[in-house]
Protein backbone atom coordinates (compact mmCIF):
# COMPACT_ATOMS: atom_id res chain seq x y z
CA MET A 1 -6.13 -16.77 4.60
CA LEU A 2 -4.33 -13.70 3.26
CA ILE A 3 -5.15 -11.46 6.20
CA ASP A 4 -3.76 -13.98 8.69
CA SER A 5 -0.56 -14.19 6.62
CA LEU A 6 -0.36 -10.40 6.59
CA ARG A 7 -0.74 -10.20 10.35
CA LEU A 8 2.06 -12.76 10.77
CA LEU A 9 4.31 -10.82 8.41
CA ILE A 10 3.55 -7.59 10.25
CA SER A 11 4.32 -9.13 13.61
CA ARG A 12 7.88 -9.80 12.39
CA GLU A 13 8.39 -6.15 11.42
CA SER A 14 8.91 -3.23 13.77
CA SER A 15 6.35 -0.89 12.22
CA SER A 16 3.85 1.47 13.72
CA GLN A 17 0.29 0.29 14.28
CA GLU A 18 -0.96 2.93 11.84
CA GLU A 19 1.44 1.74 9.13
CA ASN A 20 0.36 -1.85 9.72
CA GLU A 21 -3.32 -0.97 9.38
CA MET A 22 -2.68 0.98 6.17
CA PHE A 23 -0.78 -1.99 4.81
CA ILE A 24 -3.62 -4.38 5.62
CA THR A 25 -6.15 -2.02 4.04
CA LEU A 26 -4.06 -1.81 0.89
CA MET A 27 -3.67 -5.58 0.67
CA ARG A 28 -7.41 -6.14 1.16
CA VAL A 29 -8.18 -3.82 -1.73
CA ALA A 30 -5.46 -5.44 -3.86
CA GLN A 31 -6.84 -8.89 -3.08
CA ASP A 32 -10.33 -7.88 -4.22
CA ASP A 33 -9.44 -5.85 -7.30
CA LYS A 34 -6.92 -7.06 -9.91
CA LYS A 35 -6.71 -3.62 -11.52
CA ILE A 36 -5.72 -2.06 -8.19
CA ARG A 37 -3.28 -4.92 -7.52
CA ASP A 38 -1.61 -4.34 -10.91
CA GLN A 39 -1.38 -0.60 -10.28
CA ILE A 40 0.10 -1.15 -6.84
CA MET A 41 2.72 -3.50 -8.27
CA THR A 42 3.61 -0.95 -10.94
CA ILE A 43 4.18 1.61 -8.20
CA VAL A 44 6.09 -0.85 -6.02
CA ASN A 45 8.51 -1.60 -8.86
CA LEU A 46 9.43 2.05 -9.43
CA GLU A 47 12.64 3.61 -8.16
CA PRO A 48 12.02 5.36 -4.81
CA VAL A 49 12.24 8.91 -6.23
CA ASN A 50 9.82 8.11 -9.05
CA ARG A 51 7.55 6.17 -6.70
CA LYS A 52 7.20 9.22 -4.44
CA LYS A 53 6.23 11.42 -7.38
CA VAL A 54 3.64 8.93 -8.62
CA VAL A 55 2.21 8.38 -5.13
CA ASP A 56 1.92 12.13 -4.55
CA LEU A 57 0.05 12.57 -7.84
CA LEU A 58 -2.19 9.60 -7.12
CA VAL A 59 -3.06 10.91 -3.65
CA VAL A 60 -4.09 14.27 -5.13
CA TYR A 61 -6.17 12.49 -7.77
CA LEU A 62 -7.87 10.27 -5.18
CA LYS A 63 -8.66 13.24 -2.96
CA ASN A 64 -10.24 15.03 -5.93
CA LYS A 65 -12.35 11.92 -6.58
CA ASP A 66 -13.45 11.80 -2.92
CA ALA A 67 -11.91 8.37 -2.36
CA PRO A 68 -12.17 7.02 1.20
CA ASP A 69 -9.56 8.45 3.56
CA ASP A 70 -8.38 4.97 4.60
CA PHE A 71 -7.62 4.11 0.98
CA ILE A 72 -5.85 7.43 0.38
CA ASN A 73 -3.73 6.89 3.50
CA ALA A 74 -2.93 3.36 2.39
CA ILE A 75 -1.81 4.59 -1.03
CA HIS A 76 0.25 7.30 0.63
CA SER A 77 2.01 4.60 2.66
CA LEU A 78 3.57 3.36 -0.61
CA GLU A 79 6.22 6.02 -0.08
CA LYS A 80 7.62 3.99 2.83
CA GLU A 81 10.28 1.39 2.07
CA SER A 82 9.06 -0.81 4.93
CA VAL A 83 5.63 -1.01 3.27
CA ILE A 84 7.19 -1.75 -0.12
CA ARG A 85 9.19 -4.63 1.37
CA LYS A 86 6.03 -6.12 2.89
CA ILE A 87 4.11 -5.82 -0.37
CA ARG A 88 6.91 -7.55 -2.29
CA GLU A 89 6.72 -10.45 0.17
CA VAL A 90 2.95 -10.76 -0.15
CA LEU A 91 2.00 -10.01 -3.77
């Protein structure tokens, strides 16, 4: 199952528990929603400077739309290179 694979991948990384949980949340949403998965991959493939700008704008947009805090935090985690590496391994 995807979540078990994610937990195994996470156990190999030296990341914070909070970062790991955000990553799992993001992957669960991506697994369930192709549109979200495609958007995440578009963000993942951006250069780091551009990715930060897009993530910042997306976080503001999601807050204005009253998106769940867990999802907003997960999207915000896309600014971290360690999260991007994990996503590239999984998706």
